[in-house]
Amino acid sequence: MEKEKIALLESIYRTILQIRILGYKGQQEGLSKKECELIADLADAIHNIPEAIAKDKIDLDFQVDIMLKGFEEKYNASEVTSPYKCYKASLEGEGSFQ
Protein backbone atom coordinates (compact mmCIF):
# COMPACT_ATOMS: atom_id res chain seq x y z
CA MET A 1 0.00 0.00 0.00
CA GLU A 2 2.98 2.34 0.49
CA LYS A 3 3.51 2.65 -3.26
CA GLU A 4 -0.14 3.62 -3.73
CA LYS A 5 0.10 6.24 -0.96
CA ILE A 6 3.11 7.80 -2.62
CA ALA A 7 1.29 7.81 -5.96
CA LEU A 8 -1.70 9.53 -4.34
CA LEU A 9 0.61 12.14 -2.80
CA GLU A 10 2.17 12.68 -6.22
CA SER A 11 -1.31 13.31 -7.63
CA ILE A 12 -2.00 15.89 -4.93
CA TYR A 13 1.33 17.60 -5.60
CA ARG A 14 0.81 17.85 -9.36
CA THR A 15 -2.80 18.93 -9.00
CA ILE A 16 -1.92 21.72 -6.57
CA LEU A 17 0.68 22.95 -9.05
CA GLN A 18 -2.02 23.05 -11.74
CA ILE A 19 -4.36 24.97 -9.46
CA ARG A 20 -1.59 27.43 -8.65
CA ILE A 21 -0.84 28.01 -12.34
CA LEU A 22 -4.53 28.61 -13.05
CA GLY A 23 -4.69 31.02 -10.09
CA TYR A 24 -1.75 33.04 -11.40
CA LYS A 25 -3.39 33.12 -14.82
CA GLY A 26 -6.56 34.39 -13.18
CA GLN A 27 -4.65 37.19 -11.49
CA GLN A 28 -3.30 38.32 -14.85
CA GLU A 29 -6.27 37.75 -17.13
CA GLY A 30 -9.26 36.83 -15.02
CA LEU A 31 -10.91 33.43 -15.15
CA SER A 32 -13.87 32.20 -17.12
CA LYS A 33 -16.67 30.18 -15.53
CA LYS A 34 -15.20 27.12 -17.25
CA GLU A 35 -11.79 27.72 -15.68
CA CYS A 36 -13.36 28.25 -12.26
CA GLU A 37 -15.21 24.95 -12.65
CA LEU A 38 -11.95 23.27 -13.64
CA ILE A 39 -10.22 24.52 -10.48
CA ALA A 40 -13.12 23.29 -8.34
CA ASP A 41 -13.09 19.90 -10.08
CA LEU A 42 -9.32 19.55 -9.64
CA ALA A 43 -9.63 20.29 -5.93
CA ASP A 44 -12.63 17.95 -5.64
CA ALA A 45 -10.67 15.09 -7.20
CA ILE A 46 -7.96 15.21 -4.50
CA HIS A 47 -9.44 16.78 -1.38
CA ASN A 48 -10.23 13.50 0.43
CA ILE A 49 -6.80 11.96 -0.09
CA PRO A 50 -4.95 13.57 2.88
CA GLU A 51 -7.58 12.43 5.36
CA ALA A 52 -7.57 8.91 3.92
CA ILE A 53 -3.78 8.69 4.19
CA ALA A 54 -3.70 10.21 7.69
CA LYS A 55 -6.23 7.70 8.97
CA ASP A 56 -4.36 4.91 7.22
CA LYS A 57 -7.77 3.79 6.01
CA ILE A 58 -7.63 4.23 2.26
CA ASP A 59 -10.48 3.11 0.07
CA LEU A 60 -8.23 2.95 -2.98
CA ASP A 61 -11.11 2.16 -5.34
CA PHE A 62 -12.96 5.30 -4.23
CA GLN A 63 -9.91 7.57 -4.39
CA VAL A 64 -8.64 6.29 -7.74
CA ASP A 65 -11.59 4.91 -9.67
CA ILE A 66 -14.24 7.37 -8.53
CA MET A 67 -12.43 10.63 -7.73
CA LEU A 68 -9.30 10.67 -9.91
CA LYS A 69 -10.74 8.72 -12.81
CA GLY A 70 -13.97 10.71 -12.57
CA PHE A 71 -12.03 13.88 -13.28
CA GLU A 72 -10.27 12.11 -16.15
CA GLU A 73 -13.58 11.09 -17.69
CA LYS A 74 -15.03 14.59 -17.47
CA TYR A 75 -12.05 16.42 -18.95
CA ASN A 76 -10.20 13.72 -20.88
CA ALA A 77 -7.14 15.47 -19.42
CA SER A 78 -7.00 17.67 -22.50
CA GLU A 79 -6.86 20.95 -20.61
CA VAL A 80 -4.64 20.11 -17.66
CA THR A 81 -2.49 17.38 -16.24
CA SER A 82 -4.73 14.58 -15.09
CA PRO A 83 -4.53 13.59 -11.40
CA TYR A 84 -5.30 10.03 -12.51
CA LYS A 85 -2.46 9.97 -15.04
CA CYS A 86 -0.11 11.38 -12.38
CA TYR A 87 -1.15 8.54 -10.07
CA LYS A 88 -0.55 5.90 -12.76
CA ALA A 89 2.81 7.39 -13.76
CA SER A 90 3.97 7.40 -10.15
CA LEU A 91 2.99 3.74 -9.77
CA GLU A 92 5.13 2.99 -12.80
CA GLY A 93 8.10 4.79 -11.24
CA GLU A 94 7.85 7.88 -13.43
CA GLY A 95 6.86 10.35 -10.72
CA SER A 96 9.07 13.03 -9.20
CA PHE A 97 8.84 11.41 -5.75
CA GLN A 98 10.66 8.30 -6.95
PDB file of N, CA and C in Angstrom:
ATOM      1  N   MET A   1       0.819  -1.204   0.000  1.00  0.00           N
ATOM      2  CA  MET A   1       0.000   0.000   0.000  1.00  0.00           C
ATOM      3  C   MET A   1       0.862   1.267   0.000  1.00  0.00           C
ATOM      4  N   GLU A   2       2.105   1.162   0.439  1.00  0.00           N
ATOM      5  CA  GLU A   2       2.978   2.342   0.492  1.00  0.00           C
ATOM      6  C   GLU A   2       3.158   2.970  -0.892  1.00  0.00           C
ATOM      7  N   LYS A   3       3.337   2.147  -1.899  1.00  0.00           N
ATOM      8  CA  LYS A   3       3.514   2.646  -3.260  1.00  0.00           C
ATOM      9  C   LYS A   3       2.275   3.432  -3.720  1.00  0.00           C
ATOM     10  N   GLU A   4       1.104   2.942  -3.367  1.00  0.00           N
ATOM     11  CA  GLU A   4      -0.138   3.622  -3.726  1.00  0.00           C
ATOM     12  C   GLU A   4      -0.274   4.950  -2.990  1.00  0.00           C
ATOM     13  N   LYS A   5       0.140   4.985  -1.717  1.00  0.00           N
ATOM     14  CA  LYS A   5       0.097   6.240  -0.956  1.00  0.00           C
ATOM     15  C   LYS A   5       1.005   7.288  -1.599  1.00  0.00           C
ATOM     16  N   ILE A   6       2.185   6.877  -1.973  1.00  0.00           N
ATOM     17  CA  ILE A   6       3.114   7.805  -2.618  1.00  0.00           C
ATOM     18  C   ILE A   6       2.534   8.302  -3.933  1.00  0.00           C
ATOM     19  N   ALA A   7       1.911   7.414  -4.685  1.00  0.00           N
ATOM     20  CA  ALA A   7       1.293   7.814  -5.956  1.00  0.00           C
ATOM     21  C   ALA A   7       0.144   8.795  -5.721  1.00  0.00           C
ATOM     22  N   LEU A   8      -0.627   8.589  -4.671  1.00  0.00           N
ATOM     23  CA  LEU A   8      -1.703   9.526  -4.343  1.00  0.00           C
ATOM     24  C   LEU A   8      -1.128  10.889  -3.948  1.00  0.00           C
ATOM     25  N   LEU A   9      -0.046  10.882  -3.169  1.00  0.00           N
ATOM     26  CA  LEU A   9       0.609  12.144  -2.802  1.00  0.00           C
ATOM     27  C   LEU A   9       1.148  12.862  -4.031  1.00  0.00           C
ATOM     28  N   GLU A  10       1.678  12.105  -4.961  1.00  0.00           N
ATOM     29  CA  GLU A  10       2.165  12.682  -6.221  1.00  0.00           C
ATOM     30  C   GLU A  10       1.018  13.356  -6.971  1.00  0.00           C
ATOM     31  N   SER A  11      -0.139  12.722  -6.970  1.00  0.00           N
ATOM     32  CA  SER A  11      -1.314  13.306  -7.626  1.00  0.00           C
ATOM     33  C   SER A  11      -1.706  14.622  -6.974  1.00  0.00           C
ATOM     34  N   ILE A  12      -1.683  14.651  -5.648  1.00  0.00           N
ATOM     35  CA  ILE A  12      -1.996  15.892  -4.931  1.00  0.00           C
ATOM     36  C   ILE A  12      -0.998  16.988  -5.318  1.00  0.00           C
ATOM     37  N   TYR A  13       0.269  16.652  -5.279  1.00  0.00           N
ATOM     38  CA  TYR A  13       1.331  17.605  -5.596  1.00  0.00           C
ATOM     39  C   TYR A  13       1.137  18.211  -6.986  1.00  0.00           C
ATOM     40  N   ARG A  14       0.960  17.376  -7.980  1.00  0.00           N
ATOM     41  CA  ARG A  14       0.806  17.851  -9.363  1.00  0.00           C
ATOM     42  C   ARG A  14      -0.476  18.660  -9.541  1.00  0.00           C
ATOM     43  N   THR A  15      -1.529  18.226  -8.886  1.00  0.00           N
ATOM     44  CA  THR A  15      -2.803  18.933  -9.000  1.00  0.00           C
ATOM     45  C   THR A  15      -2.723  20.310  -8.359  1.00  0.00           C
ATOM     46  N   ILE A  16      -2.084  20.413  -7.207  1.00  0.00           N
ATOM     47  CA  ILE A  16      -1.919  21.720  -6.567  1.00  0.00           C
ATOM     48  C   ILE A  16      -1.095  22.652  -7.453  1.00  0.00           C
ATOM     49  N   LEU A  17      -0.086  22.121  -8.116  1.00  0.00           N
ATOM     50  CA  LEU A  17       0.681  22.953  -9.055  1.00  0.00           C
ATOM     51  C   LEU A  17      -0.212  23.478 -10.176  1.00  0.00           C
ATOM     52  N   GLN A  18      -1.088  22.621 -10.695  1.00  0.00           N
ATOM     53  CA  GLN A  18      -2.016  23.048 -11.741  1.00  0.00           C
ATOM     54  C   GLN A  18      -2.945  24.151 -11.236  1.00  0.00           C
ATOM     55  N   ILE A  19      -3.469  23.965 -10.039  1.00  0.00           N
ATOM     56  CA  ILE A  19      -4.362  24.969  -9.458  1.00  0.00           C
ATOM     57  C   ILE A  19      -3.621  26.291  -9.275  1.00  0.00           C
ATOM     58  N   ARG A  20      -2.383  26.219  -8.833  1.00  0.00           N
ATOM     59  CA  ARG A  20      -1.585  27.432  -8.649  1.00  0.00           C
ATOM     60  C   ARG A  20      -1.376  28.157  -9.971  1.00  0.00           C
ATOM     61  N   ILE A  21      -1.046  27.415 -11.018  1.00  0.00           N
ATOM     62  CA  ILE A  21      -0.845  28.011 -12.340  1.00  0.00           C
ATOM     63  C   ILE A  21      -2.123  28.683 -12.830  1.00  0.00           C
ATOM     64  N   LEU A  22      -3.253  28.013 -12.646  1.00  0.00           N
ATOM     65  CA  LEU A  22      -4.527  28.608 -13.046  1.00  0.00           C
ATOM     66  C   LEU A  22      -4.831  29.866 -12.228  1.00  0.00           C
ATOM     67  N   GLY A  23      -4.484  29.837 -10.941  1.00  0.00           N
ATOM     68  CA  GLY A  23      -4.688  31.019 -10.093  1.00  0.00           C
ATOM     69  C   GLY A  23      -3.860  32.200 -10.555  1.00  0.00           C
ATOM     70  N   TYR A  24      -2.597  31.958 -10.899  1.00  0.00           N
ATOM     71  CA  TYR A  24      -1.753  33.043 -11.400  1.00  0.00           C
ATOM     72  C   TYR A  24      -2.301  33.586 -12.715  1.00  0.00           C
ATOM     73  N   LYS A  25      -2.784  32.687 -13.567  1.00  0.00           N
ATOM     74  CA  LYS A  25      -3.390  33.124 -14.824  1.00  0.00           C
ATOM     75  C   LYS A  25      -4.595  34.010 -14.528  1.00  0.00           C
ATOM     76  N   GLY A  26      -5.383  33.613 -13.551  1.00  0.00           N
ATOM     77  CA  GLY A  26      -6.555  34.393 -13.178  1.00  0.00           C
ATOM     78  C   GLY A  26      -6.197  35.779 -12.677  1.00  0.00           C
ATOM     79  N   GLN A  27      -5.091  35.886 -11.964  1.00  0.00           N
ATOM     80  CA  GLN A  27      -4.648  37.194 -11.486  1.00  0.00           C
ATOM     81  C   GLN A  27      -4.299  38.108 -12.656  1.00  0.00           C
ATOM     82  N   GLN A  28      -3.735  37.537 -13.691  1.00  0.00           N
ATOM     83  CA  GLN A  28      -3.303  38.324 -14.846  1.00  0.00           C
ATOM     84  C   GLN A  28      -4.451  38.643 -15.807  1.00  0.00           C
ATOM     85  N   GLU A  29      -5.286  37.634 -16.056  1.00  0.00           N
ATOM     86  CA  GLU A  29      -6.268  37.755 -17.132  1.00  0.00           C
ATOM     87  C   GLU A  29      -7.712  37.594 -16.685  1.00  0.00           C
ATOM     88  N   GLY A  30      -7.922  37.196 -15.447  1.00  0.00           N
ATOM     89  CA  GLY A  30      -9.264  36.829 -15.015  1.00  0.00           C
ATOM     90  C   GLY A  30      -9.538  35.388 -15.416  1.00  0.00           C
ATOM     91  N   LEU A  31     -10.561  34.815 -14.837  1.00  0.00           N
ATOM     92  CA  LEU A  31     -10.912  33.434 -15.146  1.00  0.00           C
ATOM     93  C   LEU A  31     -12.332  33.350 -15.674  1.00  0.00           C
ATOM     94  N   SER A  32     -12.530  32.455 -16.604  1.00  0.00           N
ATOM     95  CA  SER A  32     -13.866  32.199 -17.121  1.00  0.00           C
ATOM     96  C   SER A  32     -14.605  31.268 -16.154  1.00  0.00           C
ATOM     97  N   LYS A  33     -15.904  31.127 -16.342  1.00  0.00           N
ATOM     98  CA  LYS A  33     -16.673  30.182 -15.534  1.00  0.00           C
ATOM     99  C   LYS A  33     -16.131  28.764 -15.727  1.00  0.00           C
ATOM    100  N   LYS A  34     -15.743  28.446 -16.944  1.00  0.00           N
ATOM    101  CA  LYS A  34     -15.205  27.116 -17.254  1.00  0.00           C
ATOM    102  C   LYS A  34     -13.909  26.865 -16.478  1.00  0.00           C
ATOM    103  N   GLU A  35     -13.039  27.867 -16.416  1.00  0.00           N
ATOM    104  CA  GLU A  35     -11.785  27.718 -15.680  1.00  0.00           C
ATOM    105  C   GLU A  35     -12.031  27.610 -14.175  1.00  0.00           C
ATOM    106  N   CYS A  36     -13.002  28.350 -13.679  1.00  0.00           N
ATOM    107  CA  CYS A  36     -13.359  28.245 -12.256  1.00  0.00           C
ATOM    108  C   CYS A  36     -13.887  26.846 -11.938  1.00  0.00           C
ATOM    109  N   GLU A  37     -14.699  26.322 -12.827  1.00  0.00           N
ATOM    110  CA  GLU A  37     -15.214  24.950 -12.648  1.00  0.00           C
ATOM    111  C   GLU A  37     -14.064  23.943 -12.674  1.00  0.00           C
ATOM    112  N   LEU A  38     -13.110  24.153 -13.547  1.00  0.00           N
ATOM    113  CA  LEU A  38     -11.951  23.268 -13.638  1.00  0.00           C
ATOM    114  C   LEU A  38     -11.170  23.264 -12.327  1.00  0.00           C
ATOM    115  N   ILE A  39     -10.933  24.429 -11.762  1.00  0.00           N
ATOM    116  CA  ILE A  39     -10.222  24.524 -10.484  1.00  0.00           C
ATOM    117  C   ILE A  39     -10.991  23.773  -9.397  1.00  0.00           C
ATOM    118  N   ALA A  40     -12.289  23.987  -9.343  1.00  0.00           N
ATOM    119  CA  ALA A  40     -13.116  23.293  -8.343  1.00  0.00           C
ATOM    120  C   ALA A  40     -13.069  21.788  -8.550  1.00  0.00           C
ATOM    121  N   ASP A  41     -13.125  21.340  -9.795  1.00  0.00           N
ATOM    122  CA  ASP A  41     -13.088  19.900 -10.075  1.00  0.00           C
ATOM    123  C   ASP A  41     -11.726  19.295  -9.750  1.00  0.00           C
ATOM    124  N   LEU A  42     -10.657  20.032 -10.011  1.00  0.00           N
ATOM    125  CA  LEU A  42      -9.324  19.549  -9.637  1.00  0.00           C
ATOM    126  C   LEU A  42      -9.233  19.360  -8.122  1.00  0.00           C
ATOM    127  N   ALA A  43      -9.669  20.373  -7.388  1.00  0.00           N
ATOM    128  CA  ALA A  43      -9.635  20.286  -5.927  1.00  0.00           C
ATOM    129  C   ALA A  43     -10.537  19.162  -5.428  1.00  0.00           C
ATOM    130  N   ASP A  44     -11.690  19.005  -6.050  1.00  0.00           N
ATOM    131  CA  ASP A  44     -12.625  17.949  -5.644  1.00  0.00           C
ATOM    132  C   ASP A  44     -12.018  16.564  -5.847  1.00  0.00           C
ATOM    133  N   ALA A  45     -11.254  16.398  -6.905  1.00  0.00           N
ATOM    134  CA  ALA A  45     -10.665  15.094  -7.201  1.00  0.00           C
ATOM    135  C   ALA A  45      -9.670  14.637  -6.132  1.00  0.00           C
ATOM    136  N   ILE A  46      -9.039  15.583  -5.441  1.00  0.00           N
ATOM    137  CA  ILE A  46      -7.961  15.206  -4.504  1.00  0.00           C
ATOM    138  C   ILE A  46      -8.233  15.529  -3.046  1.00  0.00           C
ATOM    139  N   HIS A  47      -9.299  16.244  -2.736  1.00  0.00           N
ATOM    140  CA  HIS A  47      -9.442  16.782  -1.383  1.00  0.00           C
ATOM    141  C   HIS A  47      -9.617  15.734  -0.284  1.00  0.00           C
ATOM    142  N   ASN A  48     -10.054  14.546  -0.590  1.00  0.00           N
ATOM    143  CA  ASN A  48     -10.229  13.503   0.432  1.00  0.00           C
ATOM    144  C   ASN A  48      -8.967  12.678   0.685  1.00  0.00           C
ATOM    145  N   ILE A  49      -7.993  12.803  -0.177  1.00  0.00           N
ATOM    146  CA  ILE A  49      -6.803  11.956  -0.087  1.00  0.00           C
ATOM    147  C   ILE A  49      -6.017  12.174   1.212  1.00  0.00           C
ATOM    148  N   PRO A  50      -5.731  13.408   1.641  1.00  0.00           N
ATOM    149  CA  PRO A  50      -4.948  13.570   2.880  1.00  0.00           C
ATOM    150  C   PRO A  50      -5.596  12.901   4.091  1.00  0.00           C
ATOM    151  N   GLU A  51      -6.893  13.057   4.224  1.00  0.00           N
ATOM    152  CA  GLU A  51      -7.584  12.434   5.358  1.00  0.00           C
ATOM    153  C   GLU A  51      -7.497  10.913   5.278  1.00  0.00           C
ATOM    154  N   ALA A  52      -7.656  10.363   4.082  1.00  0.00           N
ATOM    155  CA  ALA A  52      -7.570   8.913   3.916  1.00  0.00           C
ATOM    156  C   ALA A  52      -6.184   8.395   4.284  1.00  0.00           C
ATOM    157  N   ILE A  53      -5.149   9.111   3.876  1.00  0.00           N
ATOM    158  CA  ILE A  53      -3.782   8.691   4.187  1.00  0.00           C
ATOM    159  C   ILE A  53      -3.500   8.857   5.681  1.00  0.00           C
ATOM    160  N   ALA A  54      -3.946   9.955   6.263  1.00  0.00           N
ATOM    161  CA  ALA A  54      -3.702  10.213   7.685  1.00  0.00           C
ATOM    162  C   ALA A  54      -4.360   9.168   8.569  1.00  0.00           C
ATOM    163  N   LYS A  55      -5.522   8.712   8.177  1.00  0.00           N
ATOM    164  CA  LYS A  55      -6.231   7.705   8.965  1.00  0.00           C
ATOM    165  C   LYS A  55      -5.770   6.297   8.632  1.00  0.00           C
ATOM    166  N   ASP A  56      -4.884   6.200   7.653  1.00  0.00           N
ATOM    167  CA  ASP A  56      -4.365   4.907   7.216  1.00  0.00           C
ATOM    168  C   ASP A  56      -5.507   3.961   6.856  1.00  0.00           C
ATOM    169  N   LYS A  57      -6.566   4.535   6.350  1.00  0.00           N
ATOM    170  CA  LYS A  57      -7.769   3.786   6.010  1.00  0.00           C
ATOM    171  C   LYS A  57      -8.176   4.199   4.600  1.00  0.00           C
ATOM    172  N   ILE A  58      -7.418   3.770   3.623  1.00  0.00           N
ATOM    173  CA  ILE A  58      -7.632   4.230   2.261  1.00  0.00           C
ATOM    174  C   ILE A  58      -8.552   3.276   1.512  1.00  0.00           C
ATOM    175  N   ASP A  59      -9.633   3.832   1.007  1.00  0.00           N
ATOM    176  CA  ASP A  59     -10.480   3.110   0.070  1.00  0.00           C
ATOM    177  C   ASP A  59      -9.923   3.450  -1.310  1.00  0.00           C
ATOM    178  N   LEU A  60      -8.953   2.658  -1.743  1.00  0.00           N
ATOM    179  CA  LEU A  60      -8.234   2.955  -2.975  1.00  0.00           C
ATOM    180  C   LEU A  60      -9.169   3.016  -4.181  1.00  0.00           C
ATOM    181  N   ASP A  61     -10.158   2.136  -4.219  1.00  0.00           N
ATOM    182  CA  ASP A  61     -11.105   2.161  -5.338  1.00  0.00           C
ATOM    183  C   ASP A  61     -11.832   3.495  -5.407  1.00  0.00           C
ATOM    184  N   PHE A  62     -12.262   4.012  -4.250  1.00  0.00           N
ATOM    185  CA  PHE A  62     -12.961   5.296  -4.233  1.00  0.00           C
ATOM    186  C   PHE A  62     -12.027   6.414  -4.680  1.00  0.00           C
ATOM    187  N   GLN A  63     -10.840   6.480  -4.081  1.00  0.00           N
ATOM    188  CA  GLN A  63      -9.915   7.574  -4.388  1.00  0.00           C
ATOM    189  C   GLN A  63      -9.481   7.558  -5.853  1.00  0.00           C
ATOM    190  N   VAL A  64      -9.178   6.378  -6.383  1.00  0.00           N
ATOM    191  CA  VAL A  64      -8.638   6.287  -7.741  1.00  0.00           C
ATOM    192  C   VAL A  64      -9.745   6.178  -8.780  1.00  0.00           C
ATOM    193  N   ASP A  65     -10.606   5.187  -8.627  1.00  0.00           N
ATOM    194  CA  ASP A  65     -11.592   4.910  -9.672  1.00  0.00           C
ATOM    195  C   ASP A  65     -12.750   5.899  -9.710  1.00  0.00           C
ATOM    196  N   ILE A  66     -13.130   6.433  -8.558  1.00  0.00           N
ATOM    197  CA  ILE A  66     -14.244   7.373  -8.528  1.00  0.00           C
ATOM    198  C   ILE A  66     -13.745   8.817  -8.653  1.00  0.00           C
ATOM    199  N   MET A  67     -12.836   9.221  -7.769  1.00  0.00           N
ATOM    200  CA  MET A  67     -12.429  10.630  -7.733  1.00  0.00           C
ATOM    201  C   MET A  67     -11.437  10.993  -8.851  1.00  0.00           C
ATOM    202  N   LEU A  68     -10.309  10.306  -8.906  1.00  0.00           N
ATOM    203  CA  LEU A  68      -9.299  10.671  -9.908  1.00  0.00           C
ATOM    204  C   LEU A  68      -9.759  10.330 -11.325  1.00  0.00           C
ATOM    205  N   LYS A  69     -10.286   9.135 -11.488  1.00  0.00           N
ATOM    206  CA  LYS A  69     -10.738   8.722 -12.814  1.00  0.00           C
ATOM    207  C   LYS A  69     -11.986   9.502 -13.234  1.00  0.00           C
ATOM    208  N   GLY A  70     -12.804   9.895 -12.260  1.00  0.00           N
ATOM    209  CA  GLY A  70     -13.973  10.711 -12.574  1.00  0.00           C
ATOM    210  C   GLY A  70     -13.586  12.035 -13.212  1.00  0.00           C
ATOM    211  N   PHE A  71     -12.543  12.652 -12.681  1.00  0.00           N
ATOM    212  CA  PHE A  71     -12.034  13.885 -13.278  1.00  0.00           C
ATOM    213  C   PHE A  71     -11.546  13.598 -14.698  1.00  0.00           C
ATOM    214  N   GLU A  72     -10.810  12.520 -14.848  1.00  0.00           N
ATOM    215  CA  GLU A  72     -10.273  12.113 -16.152  1.00  0.00           C
ATOM    216  C   GLU A  72     -11.390  11.959 -17.181  1.00  0.00           C
ATOM    217  N   GLU A  73     -12.463  11.327 -16.764  1.00  0.00           N
ATOM    218  CA  GLU A  73     -13.577  11.088 -17.687  1.00  0.00           C
ATOM    219  C   GLU A  73     -14.271  12.385 -18.085  1.00  0.00           C
ATOM    220  N   LYS A  74     -14.369  13.322 -17.159  1.00  0.00           N
ATOM    221  CA  LYS A  74     -15.027  14.590 -17.467  1.00  0.00           C
ATOM    222  C   LYS A  74     -14.194  15.448 -18.411  1.00  0.00           C
ATOM    223  N   TYR A  75     -12.900  15.503 -18.183  1.00  0.00           N
ATOM    224  CA  TYR A  75     -12.045  16.419 -18.949  1.00  0.00           C
ATOM    225  C   TYR A  75     -11.179  15.738 -19.994  1.00  0.00           C
ATOM    226  N   ASN A  76     -11.101  14.441 -19.976  1.00  0.00           N
ATOM    227  CA  ASN A  76     -10.200  13.724 -20.881  1.00  0.00           C
ATOM    228  C   ASN A  76      -8.778  14.254 -20.806  1.00  0.00           C
ATOM    229  N   ALA A  77      -8.474  14.929 -19.701  1.00  0.00           N
ATOM    230  CA  ALA A  77      -7.144  15.472 -19.425  1.00  0.00           C
ATOM    231  C   ALA A  77      -6.589  16.291 -20.578  1.00  0.00           C
ATOM    232  N   SER A  78      -7.473  16.879 -21.367  1.00  0.00           N
ATOM    233  CA  SER A  78      -7.002  17.668 -22.503  1.00  0.00           C
ATOM    234  C   SER A  78      -6.581  19.071 -22.093  1.00  0.00           C
ATOM    235  N   GLU A  79      -7.136  19.575 -20.994  1.00  0.00           N
ATOM    236  CA  GLU A  79      -6.862  20.952 -20.612  1.00  0.00           C
ATOM    237  C   GLU A  79      -5.781  21.083 -19.546  1.00  0.00           C
ATOM    238  N   VAL A  80      -5.601  20.069 -18.753  1.00  0.00           N
ATOM    239  CA  VAL A  80      -4.636  20.107 -17.659  1.00  0.00           C
ATOM    240  C   VAL A  80      -4.049  18.717 -17.467  1.00  0.00           C
ATOM    241  N   THR A  81      -3.055  18.672 -16.617  1.00  0.00           N
ATOM    242  CA  THR A  81      -2.494  17.381 -16.243  1.00  0.00           C
ATOM    243  C   THR A  81      -3.529  16.626 -15.422  1.00  0.00           C
ATOM    244  N   SER A  82      -3.741  15.408 -15.759  1.00  0.00           N
ATOM    245  CA  SER A  82      -4.734  14.580 -15.091  1.00  0.00           C
ATOM    246  C   SER A  82      -4.209  14.026 -13.769  1.00  0.00           C
ATOM    247  N   PRO A  83      -4.942  14.212 -12.661  1.00  0.00           N
ATOM    248  CA  PRO A  83      -4.530  13.593 -11.403  1.00  0.00           C
ATOM    249  C   PRO A  83      -4.441  12.072 -11.514  1.00  0.00           C
ATOM    250  N   TYR A  84      -5.321  11.481 -12.308  1.00  0.00           N
ATOM    251  CA  TYR A  84      -5.303  10.025 -12.512  1.00  0.00           C
ATOM    252  C   TYR A  84      -4.028   9.596 -13.243  1.00  0.00           C
ATOM    253  N   LYS A  85      -3.678  10.318 -14.293  1.00  0.00           N
ATOM    254  CA  LYS A  85      -2.456   9.969 -15.039  1.00  0.00           C
ATOM    255  C   LYS A  85      -1.211  10.174 -14.179  1.00  0.00           C
ATOM    256  N   CYS A  86      -1.224  11.185 -13.317  1.00  0.00           N
ATOM    257  CA  CYS A  86      -0.110  11.377 -12.379  1.00  0.00           C
ATOM    258  C   CYS A  86       0.012  10.175 -11.450  1.00  0.00           C
ATOM    259  N   TYR A  87      -1.122   9.711 -10.949  1.00  0.00           N
ATOM    260  CA  TYR A  87      -1.151   8.539 -10.072  1.00  0.00           C
ATOM    261  C   TYR A  87      -0.558   7.331 -10.788  1.00  0.00           C
ATOM    262  N   LYS A  88      -1.025   7.061 -11.997  1.00  0.00           N
ATOM    263  CA  LYS A  88      -0.554   5.899 -12.760  1.00  0.00           C
ATOM    264  C   LYS A  88       0.941   6.020 -13.071  1.00  0.00           C
ATOM    265  N   ALA A  89       1.398   7.197 -13.455  1.00  0.00           N
ATOM    266  CA  ALA A  89       2.813   7.392 -13.763  1.00  0.00           C
ATOM    267  C   ALA A  89       3.672   7.148 -12.534  1.00  0.00           C
ATOM    268  N   SER A  90       3.213   7.609 -11.385  1.00  0.00           N
ATOM    269  CA  SER A  90       3.966   7.396 -10.148  1.00  0.00           C
ATOM    270  C   SER A  90       4.044   5.910  -9.810  1.00  0.00           C
ATOM    271  N   LEU A  91       2.965   5.188 -10.009  1.00  0.00           N
ATOM    272  CA  LEU A  91       2.992   3.744  -9.767  1.00  0.00           C
ATOM    273  C   LEU A  91       4.005   3.037 -10.660  1.00  0.00           C
ATOM    274  N   GLU A  92       4.185   3.575 -11.840  1.00  0.00           N
ATOM    275  CA  GLU A  92       5.133   2.989 -12.804  1.00  0.00           C
ATOM    276  C   GLU A  92       6.553   3.506 -12.607  1.00  0.00           C
ATOM    277  N   GLY A  93       6.761   4.295 -11.540  1.00  0.00           N
ATOM    278  CA  GLY A  93       8.104   4.790 -11.236  1.00  0.00           C
ATOM    279  C   GLY A  93       8.514   6.019 -12.011  1.00  0.00           C
ATOM    280  N   GLU A  94       7.550   6.703 -12.622  1.00  0.00           N
ATOM    281  CA  GLU A  94       7.850   7.878 -13.435  1.00  0.00           C
ATOM    282  C   GLU A  94       7.535   9.189 -12.728  1.00  0.00           C
ATOM    283  N   GLY A  95       7.199   9.138 -11.442  1.00  0.00           N
ATOM    284  CA  GLY A  95       6.856  10.354 -10.719  1.00  0.00           C
ATOM    285  C   GLY A  95       8.091  11.031 -10.149  1.00  0.00           C
ATOM    286  N   SER A  96       7.925  12.268  -9.741  1.00  0.00           N
ATOM    287  CA  SER A  96       9.066  13.026  -9.205  1.00  0.00           C
ATOM    288  C   SER A  96       9.414  12.611  -7.783  1.00  0.00           C
ATOM    289  N   PHE A  97       8.565  11.852  -7.110  1.00  0.00           N
ATOM    290  CA  PHE A  97       8.837  11.411  -5.747  1.00  0.00           C
ATOM    291  C   PHE A  97       9.663  10.121  -5.726  1.00  0.00           C
ATOM    292  N   GLN A  98       9.944   9.589  -6.873  1.00  0.00           N
ATOM    293  CA  GLN A  98      10.665   8.304  -6.950  1.00  0.00           C
ATOM    294  C   GLN A  98      12.148   8.486  -6.742  1.00  0.00           C
TER     295      GLN A  98
END
